[in-house]
Amino acid sequence: MHQNNYTDMAGGGNYIPTTTYRSYPYASSVFPLNLLGSAYVSLPDYGNYISHQYCTYYGVVIHQQGLGFAGFEKIKTLDYMLNMESIETKDPEMFGVTTQVSSPCYHAAPAYKNHVHRSKRGKQNG
């Protein structure tokens, strides 16, 4: 059996607001959004949990020019069965790409390049 429990971001619980300054068009925000709070998996005949995870979300970011929700700064997952914490750090200003993943068993920091193409106007002769 699999059971997910959700909480309202605006109601607190498993959401921690950001202290990061964001420049326009990005902004920190809090709004009614259902977040996965915990997930349980148990064996149907025995009732014992074989998986039990709790999630905490940090710093939601929105785009103020029509792109809406840009993502979270960080998501921390605590696995109670393995007694292990994993942290996924993201860059909401790059559409929520993962910039770092760390746990006691694994660490990765993928690199991304942000290619911005600006239009170039040449001089017109005449």
PDB file of N, CA and C in Angstrom:
ATOM      1  N   MET A   1       0.841  -1.178   0.000  1.00  0.00           N
ATOM      2  CA  MET A   1       0.000   0.000   0.000  1.00  0.00           C
ATOM      3  C   MET A   1       0.886   1.241   0.000  1.00  0.00           C
ATOM      4  N   HIS A   2       0.520   2.208  -0.809  1.00  0.00           N
ATOM      5  CA  HIS A   2       1.260   3.467  -0.902  1.00  0.00           C
ATOM      6  C   HIS A   2       0.340   4.593  -0.448  1.00  0.00           C
ATOM      7  N   GLN A   3       0.836   5.440   0.453  1.00  0.00           N
ATOM      8  CA  GLN A   3       0.032   6.545   0.959  1.00  0.00           C
ATOM      9  C   GLN A   3       0.853   7.822   0.917  1.00  0.00           C
ATOM     10  N   ASN A   4       0.322   8.851   0.262  1.00  0.00           N
ATOM     11  CA  ASN A   4       0.957  10.171   0.233  1.00  0.00           C
ATOM     12  C   ASN A   4       0.138  11.135   1.069  1.00  0.00           C
ATOM     13  N   ASN A   5       0.816  11.967   1.852  1.00  0.00           N
ATOM     14  CA  ASN A   5       0.162  13.008   2.636  1.00  0.00           C
ATOM     15  C   ASN A   5       0.645  14.360   2.136  1.00  0.00           C
ATOM     16  N   TYR A   6      -0.297  15.266   1.908  1.00  0.00           N
ATOM     17  CA  TYR A   6       0.016  16.578   1.362  1.00  0.00           C
ATOM     18  C   TYR A   6      -0.301  17.665   2.386  1.00  0.00           C
ATOM     19  N   THR A   7       0.472  18.760   2.331  1.00  0.00           N
ATOM     20  CA  THR A   7       0.218  19.916   3.182  1.00  0.00           C
ATOM     21  C   THR A   7       0.146  21.162   2.317  1.00  0.00           C
ATOM     22  N   ASP A   8      -0.535  22.165   2.816  1.00  0.00           N
ATOM     23  CA  ASP A   8      -0.670  23.431   2.105  1.00  0.00           C
ATOM     24  C   ASP A   8       0.545  24.303   2.414  1.00  0.00           C
ATOM     25  N   MET A   9       1.246  24.754   1.378  1.00  0.00           N
ATOM     26  CA  MET A   9       2.436  25.566   1.569  1.00  0.00           C
ATOM     27  C   MET A   9       2.130  26.823   2.382  1.00  0.00           C
ATOM     28  N   ALA A  10       1.004  27.451   2.133  1.00  0.00           N
ATOM     29  CA  ALA A  10       0.649  28.680   2.843  1.00  0.00           C
ATOM     30  C   ALA A  10       0.343  28.419   4.316  1.00  0.00           C
ATOM     31  N   GLY A  11      -0.016  27.195   4.643  1.00  0.00           N
ATOM     32  CA  GLY A  11      -0.358  26.850   6.021  1.00  0.00           C
ATOM     33  C   GLY A  11       0.838  26.463   6.872  1.00  0.00           C
ATOM     34  N   GLY A  12       2.025  26.444   6.286  1.00  0.00           N
ATOM     35  CA  GLY A  12       3.225  26.077   7.051  1.00  0.00           C
ATOM     36  C   GLY A  12       3.426  24.580   7.097  1.00  0.00           C
ATOM     37  N   GLY A  13       4.234  24.164   8.021  1.00  0.00           N
ATOM     38  CA  GLY A  13       4.504  22.733   8.153  1.00  0.00           C
ATOM     39  C   GLY A  13       5.821  22.354   7.520  1.00  0.00           C
ATOM     40  N   ASN A  14       5.785  21.998   6.245  1.00  0.00           N
ATOM     41  CA  ASN A  14       7.006  21.521   5.601  1.00  0.00           C
ATOM     42  C   ASN A  14       7.552  22.504   4.559  1.00  0.00           C
ATOM     43  N   TYR A  15       7.233  23.792   4.707  1.00  0.00           N
ATOM     44  CA  TYR A  15       7.785  24.822   3.821  1.00  0.00           C
ATOM     45  C   TYR A  15       8.530  25.870   4.637  1.00  0.00           C
ATOM     46  N   ILE A  16       9.767  26.186   4.223  1.00  0.00           N
ATOM     47  CA  ILE A  16      10.592  27.198   4.872  1.00  0.00           C
ATOM     48  C   ILE A  16      10.792  28.341   3.874  1.00  0.00           C
ATOM     49  N   PRO A  17      10.328  29.566   4.172  1.00  0.00           N
ATOM     50  CA  PRO A  17      10.512  30.686   3.233  1.00  0.00           C
ATOM     51  C   PRO A  17      11.995  31.017   3.028  1.00  0.00           C
ATOM     52  N   THR A  18      12.280  31.651   1.909  1.00  0.00           N
ATOM     53  CA  THR A  18      13.654  31.988   1.561  1.00  0.00           C
ATOM     54  C   THR A  18      14.096  33.299   2.201  1.00  0.00           C
ATOM     55  N   THR A  19      15.393  33.445   2.330  1.00  0.00           N
ATOM     56  CA  THR A  19      15.983  34.724   2.753  1.00  0.00           C
ATOM     57  C   THR A  19      16.818  35.308   1.614  1.00  0.00           C
ATOM     58  N   THR A  20      16.763  34.671   0.446  1.00  0.00           N
ATOM     59  CA  THR A  20      17.530  35.109  -0.715  1.00  0.00           C
ATOM     60  C   THR A  20      16.850  36.288  -1.389  1.00  0.00           C
ATOM     61  N   TYR A  21      17.631  37.314  -1.730  1.00  0.00           N
ATOM     62  CA  TYR A  21      17.101  38.452  -2.473  1.00  0.00           C
ATOM     63  C   TYR A  21      16.980  38.069  -3.940  1.00  0.00           C
ATOM     64  N   ARG A  22      15.858  38.346  -4.543  1.00  0.00           N
ATOM     65  CA  ARG A  22      15.619  38.079  -5.960  1.00  0.00           C
ATOM     66  C   ARG A  22      15.403  39.392  -6.694  1.00  0.00           C
ATOM     67  N   SER A  23      16.019  39.529  -7.855  1.00  0.00           N
ATOM     68  CA  SER A  23      15.810  40.734  -8.645  1.00  0.00           C
ATOM     69  C   SER A  23      14.755  40.466  -9.715  1.00  0.00           C
ATOM     70  N   TYR A  24      14.078  41.528 -10.128  1.00  0.00           N
ATOM     71  CA  TYR A  24      13.019  41.457 -11.114  1.00  0.00           C
ATOM     72  C   TYR A  24      13.526  40.795 -12.379  1.00  0.00           C
ATOM     73  N   PRO A  25      12.823  39.874 -12.975  1.00  0.00           N
ATOM     74  CA  PRO A  25      11.417  39.538 -12.808  1.00  0.00           C
ATOM     75  C   PRO A  25      11.142  38.409 -11.815  1.00  0.00           C
ATOM     76  N   TYR A  26      12.150  37.972 -11.051  1.00  0.00           N
ATOM     77  CA  TYR A  26      11.954  36.888 -10.083  1.00  0.00           C
ATOM     78  C   TYR A  26      11.607  37.456  -8.718  1.00  0.00           C
ATOM     79  N   ALA A  27      10.818  36.703  -7.957  1.00  0.00           N
ATOM     80  CA  ALA A  27      10.438  37.133  -6.610  1.00  0.00           C
ATOM     81  C   ALA A  27      10.145  35.908  -5.751  1.00  0.00           C
ATOM     82  N   SER A  28      10.387  36.049  -4.462  1.00  0.00           N
ATOM     83  CA  SER A  28       9.995  35.015  -3.511  1.00  0.00           C
ATOM     84  C   SER A  28       8.511  35.159  -3.238  1.00  0.00           C
ATOM     85  N   SER A  29       7.866  34.065  -2.899  1.00  0.00           N
ATOM     86  CA  SER A  29       6.425  34.111  -2.716  1.00  0.00           C
ATOM     87  C   SER A  29       5.961  32.979  -1.820  1.00  0.00           C
ATOM     88  N   VAL A  30       4.743  33.078  -1.356  1.00  0.00           N
ATOM     89  CA  VAL A  30       4.043  31.990  -0.674  1.00  0.00           C
ATOM     90  C   VAL A  30       2.611  32.035  -1.189  1.00  0.00           C
ATOM     91  N   PHE A  31       2.092  30.901  -1.592  1.00  0.00           N
ATOM     92  CA  PHE A  31       0.727  30.836  -2.090  1.00  0.00           C
ATOM     93  C   PHE A  31       0.177  29.438  -1.811  1.00  0.00           C
ATOM     94  N   PRO A  32      -1.134  29.248  -1.902  1.00  0.00           N
ATOM     95  CA  PRO A  32      -1.703  27.934  -1.611  1.00  0.00           C
ATOM     96  C   PRO A  32      -1.270  26.905  -2.657  1.00  0.00           C
ATOM     97  N   LEU A  33      -0.384  26.022  -2.262  1.00  0.00           N
ATOM     98  CA  LEU A  33       0.114  24.972  -3.143  1.00  0.00           C
ATOM     99  C   LEU A  33       0.245  23.704  -2.318  1.00  0.00           C
ATOM    100  N   ASN A  34      -0.314  22.610  -2.788  1.00  0.00           N
ATOM    101  CA  ASN A  34      -0.197  21.341  -2.074  1.00  0.00           C
ATOM    102  C   ASN A  34       1.177  20.741  -2.302  1.00  0.00           C
ATOM    103  N   LEU A  35       1.895  20.491  -1.220  1.00  0.00           N
ATOM    104  CA  LEU A  35       3.235  19.915  -1.263  1.00  0.00           C
ATOM    105  C   LEU A  35       3.206  18.519  -0.664  1.00  0.00           C
ATOM    106  N   LEU A  36       3.961  17.611  -1.276  1.00  0.00           N
ATOM    107  CA  LEU A  36       4.080  16.273  -0.711  1.00  0.00           C
ATOM    108  C   LEU A  36       4.801  16.390   0.629  1.00  0.00           C
ATOM    109  N   GLY A  37       4.131  16.025   1.691  1.00  0.00           N
ATOM    110  CA  GLY A  37       4.720  16.101   3.026  1.00  0.00           C
ATOM    111  C   GLY A  37       5.405  14.807   3.416  1.00  0.00           C
ATOM    112  N   SER A  38       4.715  13.712   3.218  1.00  0.00           N
ATOM    113  CA  SER A  38       5.299  12.415   3.556  1.00  0.00           C
ATOM    114  C   SER A  38       4.724  11.344   2.641  1.00  0.00           C
ATOM    115  N   ALA A  39       5.513  10.296   2.475  1.00  0.00           N
ATOM    116  CA  ALA A  39       5.095   9.168   1.643  1.00  0.00           C
ATOM    117  C   ALA A  39       5.411   7.881   2.395  1.00  0.00           C
ATOM    118  N   TYR A  40       4.455   6.987   2.417  1.00  0.00           N
ATOM    119  CA  TYR A  40       4.602   5.702   3.107  1.00  0.00           C
ATOM    120  C   TYR A  40       4.345   4.573   2.123  1.00  0.00           C
ATOM    121  N   VAL A  41       5.103   3.520   2.242  1.00  0.00           N
ATOM    122  CA  VAL A  41       4.839   2.281   1.514  1.00  0.00           C
ATOM    123  C   VAL A  41       4.878   1.173   2.552  1.00  0.00           C
ATOM    124  N   SER A  42       3.824   0.357   2.590  1.00  0.00           N
ATOM    125  CA  SER A  42       3.779  -0.744   3.548  1.00  0.00           C
ATOM    126  C   SER A  42       3.364  -2.026   2.833  1.00  0.00           C
ATOM    127  N   LEU A  43       3.679  -3.134   3.451  1.00  0.00           N
ATOM    128  CA  LEU A  43       3.273  -4.435   2.921  1.00  0.00           C
ATOM    129  C   LEU A  43       1.825  -4.686   3.320  1.00  0.00           C
ATOM    130  N   PRO A  44       0.968  -5.064   2.373  1.00  0.00           N
ATOM    131  CA  PRO A  44      -0.458  -5.189   2.672  1.00  0.00           C
ATOM    132  C   PRO A  44      -0.796  -6.215   3.746  1.00  0.00           C
ATOM    133  N   ASP A  45      -0.083  -7.310   3.819  1.00  0.00           N
ATOM    134  CA  ASP A  45      -0.431  -8.362   4.777  1.00  0.00           C
ATOM    135  C   ASP A  45       0.173  -8.145   6.159  1.00  0.00           C
ATOM    136  N   TYR A  46       1.201  -7.319   6.244  1.00  0.00           N
ATOM    137  CA  TYR A  46       1.913  -7.167   7.519  1.00  0.00           C
ATOM    138  C   TYR A  46       1.737  -5.799   8.153  1.00  0.00           C
ATOM    139  N   GLY A  47       1.502  -4.772   7.347  1.00  0.00           N
ATOM    140  CA  GLY A  47       1.296  -3.437   7.888  1.00  0.00           C
ATOM    141  C   GLY A  47       2.580  -2.716   8.243  1.00  0.00           C
ATOM    142  N   ASN A  48       3.726  -3.360   8.115  1.00  0.00           N
ATOM    143  CA  ASN A  48       4.996  -2.693   8.423  1.00  0.00           C
ATOM    144  C   ASN A  48       5.424  -1.815   7.262  1.00  0.00           C
ATOM    145  N   TYR A  49       5.988  -0.661   7.607  1.00  0.00           N
ATOM    146  CA  TYR A  49       6.489   0.234   6.568  1.00  0.00           C
ATOM    147  C   TYR A  49       7.760  -0.336   5.963  1.00  0.00           C
ATOM    148  N   ILE A  50       7.840  -0.269   4.634  1.00  0.00           N
ATOM    149  CA  ILE A  50       9.098  -0.597   3.969  1.00  0.00           C
ATOM    150  C   ILE A  50       9.735   0.672   3.399  1.00  0.00           C
ATOM    151  N   SER A  51       8.967   1.762   3.410  1.00  0.00           N
ATOM    152  CA  SER A  51       9.486   3.061   3.004  1.00  0.00           C
ATOM    153  C   SER A  51       8.699   4.136   3.735  1.00  0.00           C
ATOM    154  N   HIS A  52       9.406   5.135   4.267  1.00  0.00           N
ATOM    155  CA  HIS A  52       8.761   6.238   4.966  1.00  0.00           C
ATOM    156  C   HIS A  52       9.644   7.469   4.774  1.00  0.00           C
ATOM    157  N   GLN A  53       9.165   8.428   3.983  1.00  0.00           N
ATOM    158  CA  GLN A  53       9.940   9.618   3.669  1.00  0.00           C
ATOM    159  C   GLN A  53       9.162  10.872   4.032  1.00  0.00           C
ATOM    160  N   TYR A  54       9.913  11.904   4.460  1.00  0.00           N
ATOM    161  CA  TYR A  54       9.336  13.202   4.793  1.00  0.00           C
ATOM    162  C   TYR A  54      10.080  14.264   3.992  1.00  0.00           C
ATOM    163  N   CYS A  55       9.341  15.186   3.373  1.00  0.00           N
ATOM    164  CA  CYS A  55       9.946  16.211   2.511  1.00  0.00           C
ATOM    165  C   CYS A  55       9.771  17.607   3.102  1.00  0.00           C
ATOM    166  N   THR A  56      10.818  18.429   2.962  1.00  0.00           N
ATOM    167  CA  THR A  56      10.777  19.838   3.348  1.00  0.00           C
ATOM    168  C   THR A  56      11.217  20.660   2.144  1.00  0.00           C
ATOM    169  N   TYR A  57      10.490  21.729   1.871  1.00  0.00           N
ATOM    170  CA  TYR A  57      10.742  22.581   0.710  1.00  0.00           C
ATOM    171  C   TYR A  57      11.216  23.948   1.184  1.00  0.00           C
ATOM    172  N   TYR A  58      12.148  24.536   0.448  1.00  0.00           N
ATOM    173  CA  TYR A  58      12.734  25.828   0.812  1.00  0.00           C
ATOM    174  C   TYR A  58      12.627  26.806  -0.350  1.00  0.00           C
ATOM    175  N   GLY A  59      12.187  28.020  -0.067  1.00  0.00           N
ATOM    176  CA  GLY A  59      12.259  29.150  -0.982  1.00  0.00           C
ATOM    177  C   GLY A  59      11.609  28.988  -2.341  1.00  0.00           C
ATOM    178  N   VAL A  60      10.297  29.169  -2.412  1.00  0.00           N
ATOM    179  CA  VAL A  60       9.624  29.137  -3.715  1.00  0.00           C
ATOM    180  C   VAL A  60       9.895  30.450  -4.450  1.00  0.00           C
ATOM    181  N   VAL A  61      10.055  30.349  -5.759  1.00  0.00           N
ATOM    182  CA  VAL A  61      10.345  31.512  -6.590  1.00  0.00           C
ATOM    183  C   VAL A  61       9.321  31.575  -7.719  1.00  0.00           C
ATOM    184  N   ILE A  62       8.841  32.792  -7.994  1.00  0.00           N
ATOM    185  CA  ILE A  62       7.909  32.996  -9.105  1.00  0.00           C
ATOM    186  C   ILE A  62       8.534  33.959 -10.104  1.00  0.00           C
ATOM    187  N   HIS A  63       8.050  33.881 -11.342  1.00  0.00           N
ATOM    188  CA  HIS A  63       8.465  34.779 -12.413  1.00  0.00           C
ATOM    189  C   HIS A  63       7.318  35.758 -12.622  1.00  0.00           C
ATOM    190  N   GLN A  64       7.606  37.051 -12.551  1.00  0.00           N
ATOM    191  CA  GLN A  64       6.554  38.067 -12.563  1.00  0.00           C
ATOM    192  C   GLN A  64       6.169  38.561 -13.959  1.00  0.00           C
ATOM    193  N   GLN A  65       6.710  37.940 -14.999  1.00  0.00           N
ATOM    194  CA  GLN A  65       6.355  38.374 -16.353  1.00  0.00           C
ATOM    195  C   GLN A  65       5.609  37.278 -17.108  1.00  0.00           C
ATOM    196  N   GLY A  66       4.845  36.486 -16.397  1.00  0.00           N
ATOM    197  CA  GLY A  66       3.969  35.533 -17.046  1.00  0.00           C
ATOM    198  C   GLY A  66       4.416  34.083 -17.044  1.00  0.00           C
ATOM    199  N   LEU A  67       5.621  33.778 -16.563  1.00  0.00           N
ATOM    200  CA  LEU A  67       6.049  32.385 -16.530  1.00  0.00           C
ATOM    201  C   LEU A  67       5.629  31.676 -15.253  1.00  0.00           C
ATOM    202  N   GLY A  68       5.111  32.405 -14.270  1.00  0.00           N
ATOM    203  CA  GLY A  68       4.554  31.807 -13.059  1.00  0.00           C
ATOM    204  C   GLY A  68       5.566  31.143 -12.143  1.00  0.00           C
ATOM    205  N   PHE A  69       5.206  29.955 -11.642  1.00  0.00           N
ATOM    206  CA  PHE A  69       6.025  29.207 -10.691  1.00  0.00           C
ATOM    207  C   PHE A  69       7.356  28.814 -11.338  1.00  0.00           C
ATOM    208  N   ALA A  70       8.475  29.220 -10.709  1.00  0.00           N
ATOM    209  CA  ALA A  70       9.807  28.923 -11.254  1.00  0.00           C
ATOM    210  C   ALA A  70      10.483  27.772 -10.518  1.00  0.00           C
ATOM    211  N   GLY A  71       9.996  27.410  -9.341  1.00  0.00           N
ATOM    212  CA  GLY A  71      10.560  26.275  -8.624  1.00  0.00           C
ATOM    213  C   GLY A  71      10.982  26.606  -7.210  1.00  0.00           C
ATOM    214  N   PHE A  72      11.614  25.636  -6.568  1.00  0.00           N
ATOM    215  CA  PHE A  72      12.112  25.775  -5.205  1.00  0.00           C
ATOM    216  C   PHE A  72      13.628  25.917  -5.228  1.00  0.00           C
ATOM    217  N   GLU A  73      14.169  26.552  -4.186  1.00  0.00           N
ATOM    218  CA  GLU A  73      15.620  26.651  -4.052  1.00  0.00           C
ATOM    219  C   GLU A  73      16.229  25.320  -3.609  1.00  0.00           C
ATOM    220  N   LYS A  74      15.487  24.616  -2.753  1.00  0.00           N
ATOM    221  CA  LYS A  74      16.034  23.384  -2.189  1.00  0.00           C
ATOM    222  C   LYS A  74      14.892  22.482  -1.741  1.00  0.00           C
ATOM    223  N   ILE A  75      15.096  21.166  -1.883  1.00  0.00           N
ATOM    224  CA  ILE A  75      14.159  20.175  -1.369  1.00  0.00           C
ATOM    225  C   ILE A  75      14.967  19.168  -0.557  1.00  0.00           C
ATOM    226  N   LYS A  76      14.570  19.015   0.697  1.00  0.00           N
ATOM    227  CA  LYS A  76      15.250  18.069   1.581  1.00  0.00           C
ATOM    228  C   LYS A  76      14.320  16.895   1.843  1.00  0.00           C
ATOM    229  N   THR A  77      14.831  15.675   1.679  1.00  0.00           N
ATOM    230  CA  THR A  77      14.050  14.463   1.914  1.00  0.00           C
ATOM    231  C   THR A  77      14.722  13.646   3.000  1.00  0.00           C
ATOM    232  N   LEU A  78      13.951  13.299   4.009  1.00  0.00           N
ATOM    233  CA  LEU A  78      14.444  12.462   5.102  1.00  0.00           C
ATOM    234  C   LEU A  78      13.805  11.090   4.966  1.00  0.00           C
ATOM    235  N   ASP A  79      14.640  10.071   4.803  1.00  0.00           N
ATOM    236  CA  ASP A  79      14.165   8.695   4.706  1.00  0.00           C
ATOM    237  C   ASP A  79      14.307   8.069   6.093  1.00  0.00           C
ATOM    238  N   TYR A  80      13.172   7.872   6.759  1.00  0.00           N
ATOM    239  CA  TYR A  80      13.196   7.348   8.130  1.00  0.00           C
ATOM    240  C   TYR A  80      13.651   5.894   8.200  1.00  0.00           C
ATOM    241  N   MET A  81      13.369   5.118   7.176  1.00  0.00           N
ATOM    242  CA  MET A  81      13.749   3.703   7.193  1.00  0.00           C
ATOM    243  C   MET A  81      15.259   3.525   7.054  1.00  0.00           C
ATOM    244  N   LEU A  82      15.890   4.356   6.232  1.00  0.00           N
ATOM    245  CA  LEU A  82      17.337   4.280   6.029  1.00  0.00           C
ATOM    246  C   LEU A  82      18.104   5.234   6.944  1.00  0.00           C
ATOM    247  N   ASN A  83      17.353   6.085   7.676  1.00  0.00           N
ATOM    248  CA  ASN A  83      17.952   7.113   8.518  1.00  0.00           C
ATOM    249  C   ASN A  83      18.942   7.945   7.692  1.00  0.00           C
ATOM    250  N   MET A  84      18.467   8.432   6.550  1.00  0.00           N
ATOM    251  CA  MET A  84      19.312   9.146   5.610  1.00  0.00           C
ATOM    252  C   MET A  84      18.605  10.412   5.113  1.00  0.00           C
ATOM    253  N   GLU A  85      19.370  11.487   5.030  1.00  0.00           N
ATOM    254  CA  GLU A  85      18.853  12.744   4.521  1.00  0.00           C
ATOM    255  C   GLU A  85      19.500  13.053   3.182  1.00  0.00           C
ATOM    256  N   SER A  86      18.690  13.452   2.201  1.00  0.00           N
ATOM    257  CA  SER A  86      19.228  13.886   0.921  1.00  0.00           C
ATOM    258  C   SER A  86      18.725  15.296   0.635  1.00  0.00           C
ATOM    259  N   ILE A  87      19.590  16.103   0.028  1.00  0.00           N
ATOM    260  CA  ILE A  87      19.260  17.491  -0.268  1.00  0.00           C
ATOM    261  C   ILE A  87      19.491  17.735  -1.753  1.00  0.00           C
ATOM    262  N   GLU A  88      18.464  18.253  -2.406  1.00  0.00           N
ATOM    263  CA  GLU A  88      18.557  18.607  -3.822  1.00  0.00           C
ATOM    264  C   GLU A  88      18.449  20.120  -3.928  1.00  0.00           C
ATOM    265  N   THR A  89      19.522  20.769  -4.360  1.00  0.00           N
ATOM    266  CA  THR A  89      19.556  22.220  -4.517  1.00  0.00           C
ATOM    267  C   THR A  89      19.259  22.545  -5.973  1.00  0.00           C
ATOM    268  N   LYS A  90      18.436  23.565  -6.179  1.00  0.00           N
ATOM    269  CA  LYS A  90      17.980  23.906  -7.528  1.00  0.00           C
ATOM    270  C   LYS A  90      18.222  25.384  -7.814  1.00  0.00           C
ATOM    271  N   ASP A  91      18.181  25.754  -9.084  1.00  0.00           N
ATOM    272  CA  ASP A  91      18.282  27.153  -9.481  1.00  0.00           C
ATOM    273  C   ASP A  91      16.976  27.556 -10.151  1.00  0.00           C
ATOM    274  N   PRO A  92      16.062  28.177  -9.394  1.00  0.00           N
ATOM    275  CA  PRO A  92      14.766  28.541  -9.959  1.00  0.00           C
ATOM    276  C   PRO A  92      14.870  29.541 -11.113  1.00  0.00           C
ATOM    277  N   GLU A  93      15.946  30.321 -11.157  1.00  0.00           N
ATOM    278  CA  GLU A  93      16.102  31.294 -12.235  1.00  0.00           C
ATOM    279  C   GLU A  93      16.595  30.637 -13.524  1.00  0.00           C
ATOM    280  N   MET A  94      16.904  29.346 -13.467  1.00  0.00           N
ATOM    281  CA  MET A  94      17.228  28.567 -14.668  1.00  0.00           C
ATOM    282  C   MET A  94      16.198  27.450 -14.832  1.00  0.00           C
ATOM    283  N   PHE A  95      14.928  27.796 -14.597  1.00  0.00           N
ATOM    284  CA  PHE A  95      13.790  26.884 -14.761  1.00  0.00           C
ATOM    285  C   PHE A  95      13.864  25.673 -13.846  1.00  0.00           C
ATOM    286  N   GLY A  96      14.468  25.832 -12.666  1.00  0.00           N
ATOM    287  CA  GLY A  96      14.468  24.789 -11.651  1.00  0.00           C
ATOM    288  C   GLY A  96      15.443  23.655 -11.862  1.00  0.00           C
ATOM    289  N   VAL A  97      16.499  23.864 -12.659  1.00  0.00           N
ATOM    290  CA  VAL A  97      17.460  22.783 -12.861  1.00  0.00           C
ATOM    291  C   VAL A  97      18.160  22.453 -11.543  1.00  0.00           C
ATOM    292  N   THR A  98      18.534  21.201 -11.381  1.00  0.00           N
ATOM    293  CA  THR A  98      19.235  20.750 -10.187  1.00  0.00           C
ATOM    294  C   THR A  98      20.704  21.161 -10.291  1.00  0.00           C
ATOM    295  N   THR A  99      21.192  21.857  -9.276  1.00  0.00           N
ATOM    296  CA  THR A  99      22.589  22.297  -9.273  1.00  0.00           C
ATOM    297  C   THR A  99      23.458  21.470  -8.339  1.00  0.00           C
ATOM    298  N   GLN A 100      22.819  20.758  -7.413  1.00  0.00           N
ATOM    299  CA  GLN A 100      23.590  19.912  -6.499  1.00  0.00           C
ATOM    300  C   GLN A 100      22.668  18.890  -5.852  1.00  0.00           C
ATOM    301  N   VAL A 101      23.186  17.675  -5.703  1.00  0.00           N
ATOM    302  CA  VAL A 101      22.485  16.613  -4.972  1.00  0.00           C
ATOM    303  C   VAL A 101      23.473  16.048  -3.977  1.00  0.00           C
ATOM    304  N   SER A 102      23.045  15.964  -2.718  1.00  0.00           N
ATOM    305  CA  SER A 102      23.957  15.404  -1.718  1.00  0.00           C
ATOM    306  C   SER A 102      23.197  14.527  -0.736  1.00  0.00           C
ATOM    307  N   SER A 103      23.845  13.433  -0.373  1.00  0.00           N
ATOM    308  CA  SER A 103      23.366  12.510   0.641  1.00  0.00           C
ATOM    309  C   SER A 103      24.600  11.811   1.187  1.00  0.00           C
ATOM    310  N   PRO A 104      24.470  11.022   2.242  1.00  0.00           N
ATOM    311  CA  PRO A 104      25.645  10.317   2.755  1.00  0.00           C
ATOM    312  C   PRO A 104      26.278   9.356   1.738  1.00  0.00           C
ATOM    313  N   CYS A 105      25.500   8.912   0.758  1.00  0.00           N
ATOM    314  CA  CYS A 105      26.009   7.936  -0.218  1.00  0.00           C
ATOM    315  C   CYS A 105      26.363   8.540  -1.569  1.00  0.00           C
ATOM    316  N   TYR A 106      25.985   9.783  -1.808  1.00  0.00           N
ATOM    317  CA  TYR A 106      26.114  10.319  -3.155  1.00  0.00           C
ATOM    318  C   TYR A 106      26.256  11.828  -3.110  1.00  0.00           C
ATOM    319  N   HIS A 107      27.091  12.371  -3.984  1.00  0.00           N
ATOM    320  CA  HIS A 107      27.202  13.823  -4.140  1.00  0.00           C
ATOM    321  C   HIS A 107      27.449  14.134  -5.612  1.00  0.00           C
ATOM    322  N   ALA A 108      26.696  15.064  -6.149  1.00  0.00           N
ATOM    323  CA  ALA A 108      26.869  15.477  -7.544  1.00  0.00           C
ATOM    324  C   ALA A 108      26.576  16.965  -7.654  1.00  0.00           C
ATOM    325  N   ALA A 109      27.308  17.620  -8.533  1.00  0.00           N
ATOM    326  CA  ALA A 109      27.095  19.036  -8.809  1.00  0.00           C
ATOM    327  C   ALA A 109      27.183  19.244 -10.317  1.00  0.00           C
ATOM    328  N   PRO A 110      26.090  18.964 -11.033  1.00  0.00           N
ATOM    329  CA  PRO A 110      26.116  19.133 -12.481  1.00  0.00           C
ATOM    330  C   PRO A 110      26.340  20.594 -12.858  1.00  0.00           C
ATOM    331  N   ALA A 111      27.007  20.821 -13.967  1.00  0.00           N
ATOM    332  CA  ALA A 111      27.282  22.176 -14.442  1.00  0.00           C
ATOM    333  C   ALA A 111      26.397  22.481 -15.639  1.00  0.00           C
ATOM    334  N   TYR A 112      25.904  23.694 -15.694  1.00  0.00           N
ATOM    335  CA  TYR A 112      25.053  24.131 -16.788  1.00  0.00           C
ATOM    336  C   TYR A 112      25.593  25.438 -17.336  1.00  0.00           C
ATOM    337  N   LYS A 113      25.388  25.664 -18.603  1.00  0.00           N
ATOM    338  CA  LYS A 113      25.726  26.937 -19.220  1.00  0.00           C
ATOM    339  C   LYS A 113      24.434  27.601 -19.650  1.00  0.00           C
ATOM    340  N   ASN A 114      24.318  28.863 -19.335  1.00  0.00           N
ATOM    341  CA  ASN A 114      23.144  29.630 -19.706  1.00  0.00           C
ATOM    342  C   ASN A 114      23.493  30.441 -20.941  1.00  0.00           C
ATOM    343  N   HIS A 115      23.054  29.971 -22.095  1.00  0.00           N
ATOM    344  CA  HIS A 115      23.333  30.669 -23.348  1.00  0.00           C
ATOM    345  C   HIS A 115      22.209  31.653 -23.623  1.00  0.00           C
ATOM    346  N   VAL A 116      22.538  32.921 -23.556  1.00  0.00           N
ATOM    347  CA  VAL A 116      21.562  33.962 -23.841  1.00  0.00           C
ATOM    348  C   VAL A 116      21.879  34.511 -25.222  1.00  0.00           C
ATOM    349  N   HIS A 117      20.919  34.432 -26.117  1.00  0.00           N
ATOM    350  CA  HIS A 117      21.107  34.929 -27.476  1.00  0.00           C
ATOM    351  C   HIS A 117      20.351  36.241 -27.608  1.00  0.00           C
ATOM    352  N   ARG A 118      21.077  37.277 -27.830  1.00  0.00           N
ATOM    353  CA  ARG A 118      20.459  38.580 -28.032  1.00  0.00           C
ATOM    354  C   ARG A 118      20.389  38.843 -29.539  1.00  0.00           C
ATOM    355  N   SER A 119      19.346  39.492 -29.950  1.00  0.00           N
ATOM    356  CA  SER A 119      19.240  39.819 -31.364  1.00  0.00           C
ATOM    357  C   SER A 119      20.238  40.911 -31.701  1.00  0.00           C
ATOM    358  N   LYS A 120      20.844  40.790 -32.851  1.00  0.00           N
ATOM    359  CA  LYS A 120      21.830  41.769 -33.288  1.00  0.00           C
ATOM    360  C   LYS A 120      21.266  42.466 -34.527  1.00  0.00           C
ATOM    361  N   ARG A 121      21.286  43.774 -34.477  1.00  0.00           N
ATOM    362  CA  ARG A 121      20.817  44.548 -35.614  1.00  0.00           C
ATOM    363  C   ARG A 121      22.019  45.206 -36.272  1.00  0.00           C
ATOM    364  N   GLY A 122      22.193  44.938 -37.488  1.00  0.00           N
ATOM    365  CA  GLY A 122      23.283  45.564 -38.234  1.00  0.00           C
ATOM    366  C   GLY A 122      22.881  46.932 -38.753  1.00  0.00           C
ATOM    367  N   LYS A 123      23.875  47.721 -39.064  1.00  0.00           N
ATOM    368  CA  LYS A 123      23.590  49.031 -39.630  1.00  0.00           C
ATOM    369  C   LYS A 123      23.066  48.860 -41.041  1.00  0.00           C
ATOM    370  N   GLN A 124      22.100  49.666 -41.348  1.00  0.00           N
ATOM    371  CA  GLN A 124      21.567  49.642 -42.701  1.00  0.00           C
ATOM    372  C   GLN A 124      22.225  50.761 -43.487  1.00  0.00           C
ATOM    373  N   ASN A 125      22.712  50.422 -44.635  1.00  0.00           N
ATOM    374  CA  ASN A 125      23.310  51.441 -45.514  1.00  0.00           C
ATOM    375  C   ASN A 125      22.220  52.120 -46.302  1.00  0.00           C
ATOM    376  N   GLY A 126      22.359  53.380 -46.436  1.00  0.00           N
ATOM    377  CA  GLY A 126      21.407  53.995 -47.306  1.00  0.00           C
ATOM    378  C   GLY A 126      21.053  55.305 -46.959  1.00  0.00           C
TER     379      GLY A 126
END
